[in-house]
Amino acid sequence: MTDIIRIFDGPHARVQSGAIAAAARLPRSTTHRILDELIQLGWLVRTGQGYGLGPTILGIPGPGDQLVLRAAAAPLLQVLHEETGIVAHLAVADGPDIVIVDKVGGRSGNTLPTQVGSRIPIHTTGMGKAILARYPAEAIDQLLPAVLDKRTTGTISTRLGLHRELHRIRRRDGLAFGNEEASAGVCCAAASFGCPDGSGAAIAVSGRAALHHLERVGPLVHEAARRISARLSSEGPPESGVGADGFPSSAADTMMIKLLNTINGDDWI
């Protein structure tokens, strides 16, 4: 196992399984078995770009620097929740799952079966599908089985069906929707973004609302994801009052609030 760990030359290195097998001089079947064990131990993570060092090795609470990620996303999650009255989530990809790393919902958050730390199959959620849409097809085929676990009657249950859905998401520039696929009665609008370490993350607004209501707020979720990505790409956290995109944070947030105010709060009931 340590011979495989030594192949990674830094925290951001991504190596495909074939290259790992060749470097370690092991059969592919043996390599895959060891890689699975290392993932379970938290020594490695699997991403769309290959394998990377995991949280146990890096000393972080999960893929990517979640403290920086949460700090960048928190203001935008709060705006989305306050102005729509529904729950906003932040999640990261971890192999075939997503992990919820932040949830902003107040009392309405209790109406949804999610909590920080929840692990959900990646193909069953809008956030997971938004992240998968960033991956090449061959990486998805390596990550997921041909037949997928069903959480509800609405869950996409085949890899072929998932690829078709991801094609639609890419045509919407990464905007994804979940229609009672992870939990009955819960729909969401989601958008993903890349983290500086190469891992995938996404945000979503989720609620017990009809899908067409969530489709109306989709573009705003997409814009919030873009702004989180811009903050993460800056050389440090934005200074007070100044966004990473160069605009005053107060002005940018006010613009977003005005857009959100065009949505009637009754639409979310």
Protein backbone atom coordinates (compact mmCIF):
# COMPACT_ATOMS: atom_id res chain seq x y z
CA MET A 1 0.00 0.00 0.00
CA THR A 2 2.78 2.45 0.86
CA ASP A 3 4.35 1.83 -2.56
CA ILE A 4 1.15 3.13 -4.16
CA ILE A 5 0.98 6.16 -1.85
CA ARG A 6 4.54 7.13 -2.86
CA ILE A 7 3.41 7.43 -6.50
CA PHE A 8 1.55 10.66 -5.64
CA ASP A 9 3.98 13.58 -5.70
CA GLY A 10 1.76 16.11 -3.96
CA PRO A 11 -1.69 16.90 -2.54
CA HIS A 12 -3.06 17.94 -5.95
CA ALA A 13 -1.68 15.00 -7.97
CA ARG A 14 -4.22 12.94 -9.94
CA VAL A 15 -3.15 9.54 -11.29
CA GLN A 16 -5.17 7.08 -13.38
CA SER A 17 -5.44 3.46 -12.23
CA GLY A 18 -3.48 2.16 -15.23
CA ALA A 19 -0.54 4.42 -14.44
CA ILE A 20 -0.66 3.34 -10.79
CA ALA A 21 -0.58 -0.34 -11.78
CA ALA A 22 2.38 0.26 -14.09
CA ALA A 23 4.33 2.30 -11.54
CA ALA A 24 3.69 -0.22 -8.75
CA ARG A 25 4.33 -3.18 -11.11
CA LEU A 26 1.09 -4.85 -10.06
CA PRO A 27 -1.67 -6.58 -12.02
CA ARG A 28 -4.64 -4.32 -12.71
CA SER A 29 -7.00 -6.53 -10.66
CA THR A 30 -4.69 -6.36 -7.65
CA THR A 31 -4.26 -2.62 -8.09
CA HIS A 32 -8.03 -2.01 -8.14
CA ARG A 33 -8.50 -4.09 -4.98
CA ILE A 34 -5.79 -2.14 -3.15
CA LEU A 35 -7.15 1.18 -4.40
CA ASP A 36 -10.60 0.29 -3.06
CA GLU A 37 -9.08 -0.54 0.33
CA LEU A 38 -7.14 2.74 0.37
CA ILE A 39 -10.32 4.69 -0.41
CA GLN A 40 -12.13 2.98 2.49
CA LEU A 41 -9.25 3.95 4.78
CA GLY A 42 -9.41 7.55 3.58
CA TRP A 43 -5.87 7.40 2.19
CA LEU A 44 -7.05 8.03 -1.38
CA VAL A 45 -10.06 9.60 -3.10
CA ARG A 46 -11.40 8.92 -6.58
CA THR A 47 -12.24 11.91 -8.79
CA GLY A 48 -13.07 12.49 -12.44
CA GLN A 49 -9.37 13.10 -13.10
CA GLY A 50 -8.15 9.91 -11.44
CA TYR A 51 -7.04 9.03 -7.91
CA GLY A 52 -5.66 11.53 -5.41
CA LEU A 53 -4.47 11.62 -1.82
CA GLY A 54 -7.33 11.39 0.65
CA PRO A 55 -8.30 13.15 3.88
CA THR A 56 -6.45 10.74 6.18
CA ILE A 57 -3.15 11.49 4.42
CA LEU A 58 -3.76 15.21 3.96
CA GLY A 59 -5.19 15.79 7.43
CA ILE A 60 -8.35 17.50 6.15
CA PRO A 61 -11.99 16.64 6.84
CA GLY A 62 -12.74 15.51 3.30
CA PRO A 63 -11.90 16.06 -0.37
CA GLY A 64 -10.55 19.56 -0.88
CA ASP A 65 -10.14 22.20 1.79
CA GLN A 66 -13.67 22.24 3.14
CA LEU A 67 -13.03 25.13 5.52
CA VAL A 68 -12.07 27.42 2.64
CA LEU A 69 -14.91 26.02 0.53
CA ARG A 70 -17.53 26.64 3.21
CA ALA A 71 -16.23 30.17 3.82
CA ALA A 72 -16.48 30.99 0.11
CA ALA A 73 -19.96 29.52 -0.25
CA ALA A 74 -21.61 30.60 3.03
CA PRO A 75 -22.69 34.16 2.05
CA LEU A 76 -24.31 32.97 -1.16
CA LEU A 77 -26.04 30.03 0.49
CA GLN A 78 -27.45 32.44 3.07
CA VAL A 79 -28.79 34.80 0.38
CA LEU A 80 -30.42 31.93 -1.53
CA HIS A 81 -32.11 30.64 1.62
CA GLU A 82 -33.25 33.99 3.00
CA GLU A 83 -34.78 35.18 -0.24
CA THR A 84 -36.48 31.92 -1.28
CA GLY A 85 -37.33 30.52 2.15
CA ILE A 86 -36.08 27.09 1.12
CA VAL A 87 -33.01 25.06 2.04
CA ALA A 88 -29.60 25.64 0.44
CA HIS A 89 -26.98 22.88 0.41
CA LEU A 90 -23.25 22.63 -0.33
CA ALA A 91 -21.73 19.24 -1.16
CA VAL A 92 -18.47 17.73 -2.38
CA ALA A 93 -17.88 14.61 -4.45
CA ASP A 94 -16.29 11.63 -2.73
CA GLY A 95 -16.05 8.69 -5.11
CA PRO A 96 -19.53 7.36 -5.97
CA ASP A 97 -21.17 9.61 -3.36
CA ILE A 98 -21.61 13.24 -2.45
CA VAL A 99 -21.10 14.45 1.10
CA ILE A 100 -23.12 17.38 2.47
CA VAL A 101 -20.66 19.87 3.98
CA ASP A 102 -23.03 22.76 4.68
CA LYS A 103 -26.79 23.28 4.97
CA VAL A 104 -28.59 26.59 5.43
CA GLY A 105 -32.28 26.26 6.14
CA GLY A 106 -33.32 27.46 9.57
CA ARG A 107 -36.45 25.69 10.78
CA SER A 108 -37.34 24.67 7.23
CA GLY A 109 -34.17 22.60 7.18
CA ASN A 110 -35.86 20.10 9.48
CA THR A 111 -38.32 19.21 6.71
CA LEU A 112 -35.57 17.60 4.61
CA PRO A 113 -33.78 14.31 5.41
CA THR A 114 -30.27 15.78 5.05
CA GLN A 115 -27.67 16.96 7.51
CA VAL A 116 -24.04 18.01 7.38
CA GLY A 117 -22.05 14.82 6.92
CA SER A 118 -24.82 12.99 5.06
CA ARG A 119 -23.50 10.72 2.32
CA ILE A 120 -25.77 10.24 -0.72
CA PRO A 121 -25.20 8.26 -3.95
CA ILE A 122 -23.92 10.76 -6.49
CA HIS A 123 -26.31 9.76 -9.29
CA THR A 124 -29.44 10.35 -7.17
CA THR A 125 -29.11 14.09 -6.54
CA GLY A 126 -29.10 17.28 -8.57
CA MET A 127 -25.77 18.24 -6.98
CA GLY A 128 -24.25 14.88 -7.81
CA LYS A 129 -25.44 14.99 -11.40
CA ALA A 130 -24.12 18.53 -11.79
CA ILE A 131 -20.70 17.33 -10.63
CA LEU A 132 -20.78 14.24 -12.85
CA ALA A 133 -21.57 16.43 -15.87
CA ARG A 134 -18.04 17.84 -15.49
CA TYR A 135 -16.49 14.37 -15.87
CA PRO A 136 -15.63 12.62 -19.15
CA ALA A 137 -17.82 9.63 -19.99
CA GLU A 138 -15.03 7.11 -19.44
CA ALA A 139 -14.42 8.38 -15.90
CA ILE A 140 -18.12 8.00 -15.08
CA ASP A 141 -18.13 4.45 -16.47
CA GLN A 142 -15.17 3.63 -14.24
CA LEU A 143 -16.79 5.24 -11.22
CA LEU A 144 -20.30 3.75 -11.42
CA PRO A 145 -21.75 0.31 -12.23
CA ALA A 146 -23.95 -0.29 -15.27
CA VAL A 147 -27.00 -0.77 -13.01
CA LEU A 148 -27.43 1.93 -10.39
CA ASP A 149 -29.05 1.75 -6.96
CA LYS A 150 -32.59 3.13 -6.80
CA ARG A 151 -33.57 5.36 -3.89
CA THR A 152 -37.06 6.19 -5.18
CA THR A 153 -39.19 5.36 -8.20
CA GLY A 154 -37.74 8.47 -9.85
CA THR A 155 -34.07 7.49 -9.47
CA ILE A 156 -32.12 7.02 -12.69
CA SER A 157 -31.24 3.33 -12.51
CA THR A 158 -28.95 2.71 -15.49
CA ARG A 159 -25.65 4.22 -16.53
CA LEU A 160 -27.05 4.76 -20.04
CA GLY A 161 -29.96 6.76 -18.62
CA LEU A 162 -27.53 8.76 -16.51
CA HIS A 163 -25.39 9.63 -19.53
CA ARG A 164 -28.49 10.94 -21.30
CA GLU A 165 -29.36 13.09 -18.30
CA LEU A 166 -25.80 14.42 -18.08
CA HIS A 167 -25.96 15.38 -21.77
CA ARG A 168 -29.03 17.49 -21.00
CA ILE A 169 -27.24 19.10 -18.05
CA ARG A 170 -24.25 20.02 -20.21
CA ARG A 171 -26.59 21.61 -22.75
CA ARG A 172 -27.91 23.79 -19.89
CA ASP A 173 -24.33 24.87 -19.12
CA GLY A 174 -24.17 22.67 -16.02
CA LEU A 175 -27.54 23.47 -14.48
CA ALA A 176 -29.09 20.31 -13.00
CA PHE A 177 -32.42 19.42 -11.45
CA GLY A 178 -33.41 16.64 -9.08
CA ASN A 179 -36.98 15.38 -9.35
CA GLU A 180 -37.70 13.18 -6.31
CA GLU A 181 -34.69 10.99 -7.17
CA ALA A 182 -33.02 10.84 -3.75
CA SER A 183 -36.05 11.34 -1.52
CA ALA A 184 -39.76 11.20 -2.34
CA GLY A 185 -41.36 14.63 -2.54
CA VAL A 186 -38.06 16.56 -2.64
CA CYS A 187 -36.89 18.44 -5.75
CA CYS A 188 -33.85 20.65 -6.27
CA ALA A 189 -32.00 22.97 -8.62
CA ALA A 190 -28.21 22.58 -8.56
CA ALA A 191 -25.00 23.79 -10.17
CA SER A 192 -21.42 22.59 -9.76
CA PHE A 193 -17.98 24.16 -9.76
CA GLY A 194 -14.40 22.93 -9.54
CA CYS A 195 -12.26 23.35 -6.44
CA PRO A 196 -8.60 24.42 -6.69
CA ASP A 197 -7.47 20.90 -5.73
CA GLY A 198 -9.36 19.38 -8.68
CA SER A 199 -12.24 17.92 -6.67
CA GLY A 200 -15.87 18.63 -7.58
CA ALA A 201 -18.40 20.54 -5.51
CA ALA A 202 -21.95 21.81 -6.00
CA ILE A 203 -24.68 23.88 -4.42
CA ALA A 204 -28.44 23.40 -4.58
CA VAL A 205 -31.71 24.79 -3.33
CA SER A 206 -33.96 21.93 -2.26
CA GLY A 207 -37.54 21.77 -1.10
CA ARG A 208 -40.85 19.98 -1.09
CA ALA A 209 -41.98 21.97 -4.11
CA ALA A 210 -42.98 21.21 -7.67
CA LEU A 211 -40.04 20.98 -10.06
CA HIS A 212 -41.29 23.86 -12.23
CA HIS A 213 -41.00 26.22 -9.25
CA LEU A 214 -37.36 25.22 -8.75
CA GLU A 215 -36.64 25.64 -12.46
CA ARG A 216 -37.39 29.35 -12.03
CA VAL A 217 -34.60 29.81 -9.50
CA GLY A 218 -32.13 27.61 -11.41
CA PRO A 219 -30.29 30.48 -13.15
CA LEU A 220 -29.68 32.13 -9.78
CA VAL A 221 -28.19 28.93 -8.37
CA HIS A 222 -25.97 28.76 -11.46
CA GLU A 223 -24.78 32.34 -10.87
CA ALA A 224 -24.12 31.64 -7.19
CA ALA A 225 -21.95 28.66 -8.15
CA ARG A 226 -20.01 30.84 -10.59
CA ARG A 227 -19.33 33.39 -7.86
CA ILE A 228 -18.20 30.73 -5.38
CA SER A 229 -15.77 29.43 -8.00
CA ALA A 230 -14.43 32.96 -8.49
CA ARG A 231 -13.87 33.35 -4.76
CA LEU A 232 -12.04 30.03 -4.57
CA SER A 233 -9.84 30.99 -7.53
CA SER A 234 -8.63 34.18 -5.84
CA GLU A 235 -5.38 34.14 -3.89
CA GLY A 236 -7.19 34.30 -0.57
CA PRO A 237 -10.56 35.01 1.00
CA PRO A 238 -12.21 38.16 -0.35
CA GLU A 239 -11.63 41.30 1.69
CA SER A 240 -14.62 42.66 3.55
CA GLY A 241 -16.94 44.38 1.10
CA VAL A 242 -15.07 43.23 -2.01
CA GLY A 243 -15.95 40.14 -4.02
CA ALA A 244 -13.36 37.97 -5.75
CA ASP A 245 -14.87 39.01 -9.08
CA GLY A 246 -13.84 42.63 -8.45
CA PHE A 247 -17.30 43.98 -7.59
CA PRO A 248 -18.31 45.22 -4.14
CA SER A 249 -19.87 42.26 -2.36
CA SER A 250 -22.75 44.37 -1.12
CA ALA A 251 -23.65 45.46 -4.66
CA ALA A 252 -23.36 41.96 -6.06
CA ASP A 253 -25.44 40.50 -3.25
CA THR A 254 -28.02 43.26 -3.64
CA MET A 255 -28.32 42.47 -7.35
CA MET A 256 -28.88 38.81 -6.53
CA ILE A 257 -31.48 39.67 -3.89
CA LYS A 258 -33.37 41.83 -6.37
CA LEU A 259 -33.48 38.94 -8.81
CA LEU A 260 -34.64 36.55 -6.12
CA ASN A 261 -37.34 39.00 -5.06
CA THR A 262 -39.01 38.53 -8.45
CA ILE A 263 -40.05 35.09 -7.17
CA ASN A 264 -43.23 35.06 -5.16
CA GLY A 265 -42.58 33.44 -1.79
CA ASP A 266 -45.92 31.61 -2.08
CA ASP A 267 -44.43 29.62 -4.96
CA TRP A 268 -42.34 27.65 -2.46
CA ILE A 269 -45.26 26.47 -0.32
